Amino acid sequence: MKHLLIIFSLLMSSYLSAASFTSTCISESGRSQYDLELDTYSRDGTIRYRFAEQDVFYKVHIDKVESDLIEGIAIFESSSSGESKGNPFKFTFDLKNNIFNELNITAYCK
């Protein structure tokens, strides 16, 4: 039985380390929207961030994949609303609870 649990645990960690996730997340205030496309195998992806009149695209580098948590950094790539630069930000994506966090913003994902 112990061996079965170890094998299952290894399979689940390999699944997470080689999976793609797509999700839309809305901040608690309802004013910010994040469209996530994360690939834990290639450790990259994109985040589209919309707030008020802003529509900004970030390139993602995933630093850590552990259990049900993905951590990474998002770096400005482009904007369809006129911004020519943006601050990079660190983020976490809690797969178990479908929660995305960046700085002091919590967004709930579907």
N, C-alpha and C. Protein backbone atom coordinates (compact mmCIF):
# COMPACT_ATOMS: atom_id res chain seq x y z
N MET A 1 0.82 -1.20 0.00
CA MET A 1 0.00 0.00 0.00
C MET A 1 0.87 1.26 0.00
N LYS A 2 1.94 1.23 0.78
CA LYS A 2 2.83 2.38 0.86
C LYS A 2 3.45 2.66 -0.52
N HIS A 3 3.81 1.60 -1.23
CA HIS A 3 4.39 1.75 -2.57
C HIS A 3 3.39 2.36 -3.55
N LEU A 4 2.14 1.98 -3.40
CA LEU A 4 1.08 2.51 -4.25
C LEU A 4 0.91 4.01 -4.03
N LEU A 5 0.97 4.44 -2.80
CA LEU A 5 0.86 5.86 -2.49
C LEU A 5 2.04 6.65 -3.07
N ILE A 6 3.22 6.09 -2.98
CA ILE A 6 4.41 6.75 -3.53
C ILE A 6 4.29 6.88 -5.04
N ILE A 7 3.86 5.83 -5.70
CA ILE A 7 3.69 5.86 -7.17
C ILE A 7 2.63 6.89 -7.56
N PHE A 8 1.50 6.90 -6.85
CA PHE A 8 0.45 7.86 -7.14
C PHE A 8 0.96 9.29 -6.95
N SER A 9 1.69 9.53 -5.89
CA SER A 9 2.24 10.85 -5.62
C SER A 9 3.20 11.29 -6.72
N LEU A 10 4.04 10.38 -7.20
CA LEU A 10 4.97 10.70 -8.29
C LEU A 10 4.21 11.01 -9.59
N LEU A 11 3.19 10.23 -9.86
CA LEU A 11 2.39 10.47 -11.06
C LEU A 11 1.71 11.83 -11.02
N MET A 12 1.16 12.18 -9.87
CA MET A 12 0.48 13.47 -9.75
C MET A 12 1.47 14.62 -9.90
N SER A 13 2.66 14.52 -9.33
CA SER A 13 3.63 15.60 -9.47
C SER A 13 4.12 15.69 -10.91
N SER A 14 4.25 14.57 -11.63
CA SER A 14 4.63 14.64 -13.04
C SER A 14 3.51 15.23 -13.86
N TYR A 15 2.25 14.93 -13.50
CA TYR A 15 1.13 15.50 -14.23
C TYR A 15 1.16 17.02 -14.13
N LEU A 16 1.35 17.53 -12.93
CA LEU A 16 1.37 18.97 -12.73
C LEU A 16 2.56 19.60 -13.43
N SER A 17 3.69 18.91 -13.45
CA SER A 17 4.88 19.49 -14.07
C SER A 17 4.84 19.39 -15.59
N ALA A 18 3.81 18.78 -16.15
CA ALA A 18 3.69 18.67 -17.61
C ALA A 18 2.25 18.93 -18.04
N ALA A 19 1.70 20.05 -17.58
CA ALA A 19 0.30 20.34 -17.89
C ALA A 19 0.13 21.79 -18.32
N SER A 20 -0.95 22.03 -19.04
CA SER A 20 -1.31 23.39 -19.44
C SER A 20 -2.59 23.79 -18.71
N PHE A 21 -2.64 25.05 -18.30
CA PHE A 21 -3.80 25.56 -17.59
C PHE A 21 -4.26 26.86 -18.23
N THR A 22 -5.55 26.96 -18.46
CA THR A 22 -6.16 28.17 -18.99
C THR A 22 -7.28 28.55 -18.04
N SER A 23 -7.30 29.82 -17.63
CA SER A 23 -8.31 30.24 -16.68
C SER A 23 -8.54 31.74 -16.78
N THR A 24 -9.75 32.16 -16.44
CA THR A 24 -10.06 33.58 -16.33
C THR A 24 -10.29 33.87 -14.86
N CYS A 25 -9.62 34.90 -14.36
CA CYS A 25 -9.68 35.22 -12.94
C CYS A 25 -10.14 36.67 -12.76
N ILE A 26 -11.05 36.89 -11.83
CA ILE A 26 -11.60 38.21 -11.57
C ILE A 26 -11.23 38.61 -10.13
N SER A 27 -10.73 39.83 -9.98
CA SER A 27 -10.32 40.31 -8.66
C SER A 27 -11.53 40.43 -7.74
N GLU A 28 -11.24 40.52 -6.43
CA GLU A 28 -12.30 40.65 -5.43
C GLU A 28 -13.18 41.87 -5.71
N SER A 29 -12.58 42.95 -6.18
CA SER A 29 -13.34 44.17 -6.46
C SER A 29 -14.15 44.05 -7.74
N GLY A 30 -13.80 43.08 -8.60
CA GLY A 30 -14.47 42.91 -9.87
C GLY A 30 -13.94 43.83 -10.96
N ARG A 31 -12.92 44.62 -10.64
CA ARG A 31 -12.41 45.61 -11.60
C ARG A 31 -11.25 45.08 -12.44
N SER A 32 -10.56 44.06 -11.98
CA SER A 32 -9.42 43.51 -12.72
C SER A 32 -9.74 42.12 -13.22
N GLN A 33 -9.33 41.83 -14.46
CA GLN A 33 -9.51 40.50 -15.03
C GLN A 33 -8.17 40.02 -15.56
N TYR A 34 -7.85 38.76 -15.24
CA TYR A 34 -6.63 38.12 -15.69
C TYR A 34 -7.02 36.89 -16.52
N ASP A 35 -6.53 36.82 -17.74
CA ASP A 35 -6.72 35.62 -18.56
C ASP A 35 -5.38 34.89 -18.57
N LEU A 36 -5.34 33.72 -17.95
CA LEU A 36 -4.10 32.96 -17.78
C LEU A 36 -3.99 31.85 -18.81
N GLU A 37 -2.81 31.68 -19.36
CA GLU A 37 -2.44 30.51 -20.14
C GLU A 37 -1.06 30.11 -19.66
N LEU A 38 -1.01 29.03 -18.87
CA LEU A 38 0.24 28.61 -18.25
C LEU A 38 0.57 27.19 -18.68
N ASP A 39 1.84 26.96 -19.02
CA ASP A 39 2.31 25.65 -19.44
C ASP A 39 3.44 25.24 -18.50
N THR A 40 3.14 24.29 -17.61
CA THR A 40 4.15 23.90 -16.62
C THR A 40 5.27 23.06 -17.22
N TYR A 41 5.03 22.46 -18.39
CA TYR A 41 6.08 21.68 -19.05
C TYR A 41 7.17 22.60 -19.61
N SER A 42 6.76 23.60 -20.36
CA SER A 42 7.74 24.53 -20.94
C SER A 42 8.07 25.67 -19.97
N ARG A 43 7.32 25.75 -18.86
CA ARG A 43 7.52 26.76 -17.82
C ARG A 43 7.37 28.18 -18.35
N ASP A 44 6.35 28.36 -19.20
CA ASP A 44 6.07 29.70 -19.72
C ASP A 44 4.57 29.86 -19.93
N GLY A 45 4.20 30.97 -20.51
CA GLY A 45 2.80 31.23 -20.78
C GLY A 45 2.55 32.70 -20.98
N THR A 46 1.28 33.09 -20.88
CA THR A 46 0.90 34.50 -21.02
C THR A 46 -0.17 34.85 -20.01
N ILE A 47 -0.22 36.13 -19.68
CA ILE A 47 -1.30 36.68 -18.87
C ILE A 47 -1.80 37.92 -19.59
N ARG A 48 -3.09 37.96 -19.82
CA ARG A 48 -3.72 39.17 -20.35
C ARG A 48 -4.41 39.84 -19.17
N TYR A 49 -4.04 41.09 -18.92
CA TYR A 49 -4.56 41.83 -17.77
C TYR A 49 -5.42 42.98 -18.26
N ARG A 50 -6.65 43.04 -17.76
CA ARG A 50 -7.56 44.12 -18.13
C ARG A 50 -8.05 44.83 -16.87
N PHE A 51 -7.91 46.15 -16.90
CA PHE A 51 -8.36 46.99 -15.79
C PHE A 51 -8.75 48.34 -16.38
N ALA A 52 -9.97 48.78 -16.12
CA ALA A 52 -10.48 50.05 -16.67
C ALA A 52 -10.26 50.05 -18.18
N GLU A 53 -9.48 50.99 -18.69
CA GLU A 53 -9.22 51.09 -20.14
C GLU A 53 -7.97 50.32 -20.56
N GLN A 54 -7.27 49.72 -19.61
CA GLN A 54 -6.02 49.01 -19.92
C GLN A 54 -6.29 47.60 -20.42
N ASP A 55 -5.50 47.19 -21.40
CA ASP A 55 -5.53 45.82 -21.92
C ASP A 55 -4.09 45.45 -22.24
N VAL A 56 -3.44 44.76 -21.30
CA VAL A 56 -2.00 44.55 -21.36
C VAL A 56 -1.68 43.05 -21.38
N PHE A 57 -0.67 42.70 -22.17
CA PHE A 57 -0.23 41.31 -22.31
C PHE A 57 1.14 41.13 -21.67
N TYR A 58 1.27 40.09 -20.85
CA TYR A 58 2.51 39.77 -20.17
C TYR A 58 2.99 38.39 -20.59
N LYS A 59 4.29 38.26 -20.77
CA LYS A 59 4.93 36.96 -21.00
C LYS A 59 5.26 36.40 -19.63
N VAL A 60 5.03 35.11 -19.44
CA VAL A 60 5.21 34.48 -18.13
C VAL A 60 6.41 33.55 -18.13
N HIS A 61 7.16 33.59 -17.04
CA HIS A 61 8.18 32.58 -16.77
C HIS A 61 7.80 31.93 -15.43
N ILE A 62 7.60 30.62 -15.46
CA ILE A 62 7.22 29.88 -14.24
C ILE A 62 8.49 29.46 -13.51
N ASP A 63 8.60 29.91 -12.26
CA ASP A 63 9.78 29.61 -11.44
C ASP A 63 9.64 28.30 -10.67
N LYS A 64 8.42 28.04 -10.17
CA LYS A 64 8.25 26.90 -9.29
C LYS A 64 6.89 26.25 -9.52
N VAL A 65 6.88 24.92 -9.55
CA VAL A 65 5.64 24.14 -9.62
C VAL A 65 5.71 23.13 -8.50
N GLU A 66 4.84 23.29 -7.51
CA GLU A 66 4.83 22.39 -6.35
C GLU A 66 3.40 22.02 -6.00
N SER A 67 3.14 20.76 -5.87
CA SER A 67 1.82 20.28 -5.48
C SER A 67 0.73 20.98 -6.30
N ASP A 68 -0.04 21.83 -5.68
CA ASP A 68 -1.13 22.53 -6.38
C ASP A 68 -0.83 24.00 -6.58
N LEU A 69 0.44 24.40 -6.53
CA LEU A 69 0.81 25.81 -6.60
C LEU A 69 1.81 26.08 -7.72
N ILE A 70 1.51 27.10 -8.52
CA ILE A 70 2.42 27.55 -9.57
C ILE A 70 2.87 28.96 -9.20
N GLU A 71 4.18 29.20 -9.23
CA GLU A 71 4.72 30.53 -8.94
C GLU A 71 5.54 30.99 -10.13
N GLY A 72 5.45 32.29 -10.42
CA GLY A 72 6.23 32.80 -11.55
C GLY A 72 6.30 34.30 -11.56
N ILE A 73 6.83 34.81 -12.68
CA ILE A 73 6.94 36.24 -12.89
C ILE A 73 6.36 36.57 -14.25
N ALA A 74 5.65 37.69 -14.33
CA ALA A 74 5.05 38.16 -15.57
C ALA A 74 5.79 39.44 -16.00
N ILE A 75 6.20 39.48 -17.27
CA ILE A 75 6.96 40.60 -17.80
C ILE A 75 6.20 41.21 -18.98
N PHE A 76 6.08 42.53 -18.98
CA PHE A 76 5.35 43.24 -20.01
C PHE A 76 5.80 42.81 -21.40
N GLU A 77 4.82 42.54 -22.27
CA GLU A 77 5.12 42.17 -23.65
C GLU A 77 4.54 43.18 -24.63
N SER A 78 3.24 43.50 -24.47
CA SER A 78 2.60 44.45 -25.39
C SER A 78 1.28 44.92 -24.77
N SER A 79 0.64 45.84 -25.50
CA SER A 79 -0.62 46.36 -25.04
C SER A 79 -1.49 46.73 -26.23
N SER A 80 -2.79 46.51 -26.10
CA SER A 80 -3.69 46.94 -27.16
C SER A 80 -4.37 48.26 -26.78
N SER A 81 -3.98 48.81 -25.62
CA SER A 81 -4.59 50.04 -25.15
C SER A 81 -3.60 51.21 -25.08
N GLY A 82 -2.41 51.04 -25.68
CA GLY A 82 -1.48 52.16 -25.80
C GLY A 82 -0.30 52.17 -24.84
N GLU A 83 -0.28 51.33 -23.82
CA GLU A 83 0.86 51.32 -22.90
C GLU A 83 2.10 50.80 -23.63
N SER A 84 3.24 51.43 -23.36
CA SER A 84 4.49 50.99 -24.00
C SER A 84 5.41 50.27 -23.03
N LYS A 85 5.03 50.26 -21.75
CA LYS A 85 5.80 49.51 -20.76
C LYS A 85 4.91 49.19 -19.57
N GLY A 86 5.36 48.26 -18.77
CA GLY A 86 4.63 47.86 -17.58
C GLY A 86 5.59 47.22 -16.60
N ASN A 87 5.25 47.29 -15.34
CA ASN A 87 6.11 46.70 -14.31
C ASN A 87 5.95 45.19 -14.28
N PRO A 88 7.06 44.47 -14.19
CA PRO A 88 6.94 43.01 -14.00
C PRO A 88 6.34 42.74 -12.62
N PHE A 89 5.67 41.60 -12.49
CA PHE A 89 5.12 41.25 -11.18
C PHE A 89 5.22 39.75 -10.95
N LYS A 90 5.40 39.39 -9.67
CA LYS A 90 5.39 37.99 -9.28
C LYS A 90 3.95 37.58 -9.01
N PHE A 91 3.67 36.30 -9.25
CA PHE A 91 2.31 35.81 -9.05
C PHE A 91 2.35 34.39 -8.52
N THR A 92 1.21 33.98 -7.95
CA THR A 92 0.99 32.58 -7.59
C THR A 92 -0.39 32.19 -8.13
N PHE A 93 -0.50 30.94 -8.50
CA PHE A 93 -1.78 30.39 -8.95
C PHE A 93 -2.02 29.11 -8.17
N ASP A 94 -3.00 29.15 -7.29
CA ASP A 94 -3.37 28.03 -6.44
C ASP A 94 -4.41 27.20 -7.20
N LEU A 95 -4.00 26.06 -7.73
CA LEU A 95 -4.88 25.22 -8.55
C LEU A 95 -5.99 24.57 -7.73
N LYS A 96 -5.68 24.23 -6.51
CA LYS A 96 -6.66 23.54 -5.67
C LYS A 96 -7.85 24.45 -5.36
N ASN A 97 -7.57 25.72 -5.07
CA ASN A 97 -8.62 26.66 -4.69
C ASN A 97 -9.01 27.63 -5.81
N ASN A 98 -8.35 27.51 -6.98
CA ASN A 98 -8.60 28.40 -8.12
C ASN A 98 -8.46 29.87 -7.75
N ILE A 99 -7.30 30.19 -7.14
CA ILE A 99 -7.03 31.57 -6.73
C ILE A 99 -5.71 32.04 -7.34
N PHE A 100 -5.75 33.22 -7.95
CA PHE A 100 -4.58 33.87 -8.53
C PHE A 100 -4.23 35.07 -7.66
N ASN A 101 -2.96 35.21 -7.31
CA ASN A 101 -2.50 36.34 -6.49
C ASN A 101 -1.36 37.05 -7.18
N GLU A 102 -1.41 38.38 -7.15
CA GLU A 102 -0.28 39.20 -7.59
C GLU A 102 -0.24 40.42 -6.69
N LEU A 103 0.92 40.67 -6.14
CA LEU A 103 1.08 41.75 -5.16
C LEU A 103 -0.01 41.64 -4.11
N ASN A 104 -0.86 42.66 -3.97
CA ASN A 104 -1.91 42.62 -2.94
C ASN A 104 -3.29 42.34 -3.54
N ILE A 105 -3.33 41.80 -4.76
CA ILE A 105 -4.60 41.51 -5.43
C ILE A 105 -4.87 40.01 -5.43
N THR A 106 -6.07 39.64 -5.00
CA THR A 106 -6.52 38.26 -5.05
C THR A 106 -7.63 38.17 -6.09
N ALA A 107 -7.51 37.21 -7.00
CA ALA A 107 -8.52 37.03 -8.04
C ALA A 107 -9.00 35.58 -8.00
N TYR A 108 -10.30 35.41 -8.17
CA TYR A 108 -10.91 34.09 -8.15
C TYR A 108 -11.12 33.63 -9.58
N CYS A 109 -10.72 32.39 -9.85
CA CYS A 109 -10.67 31.87 -11.22
C CYS A 109 -11.78 30.87 -11.49
N LYS A 110 -12.11 30.78 -12.77
CA LYS A 110 -13.11 29.80 -13.20
C LYS A 110 -12.58 29.01 -14.37
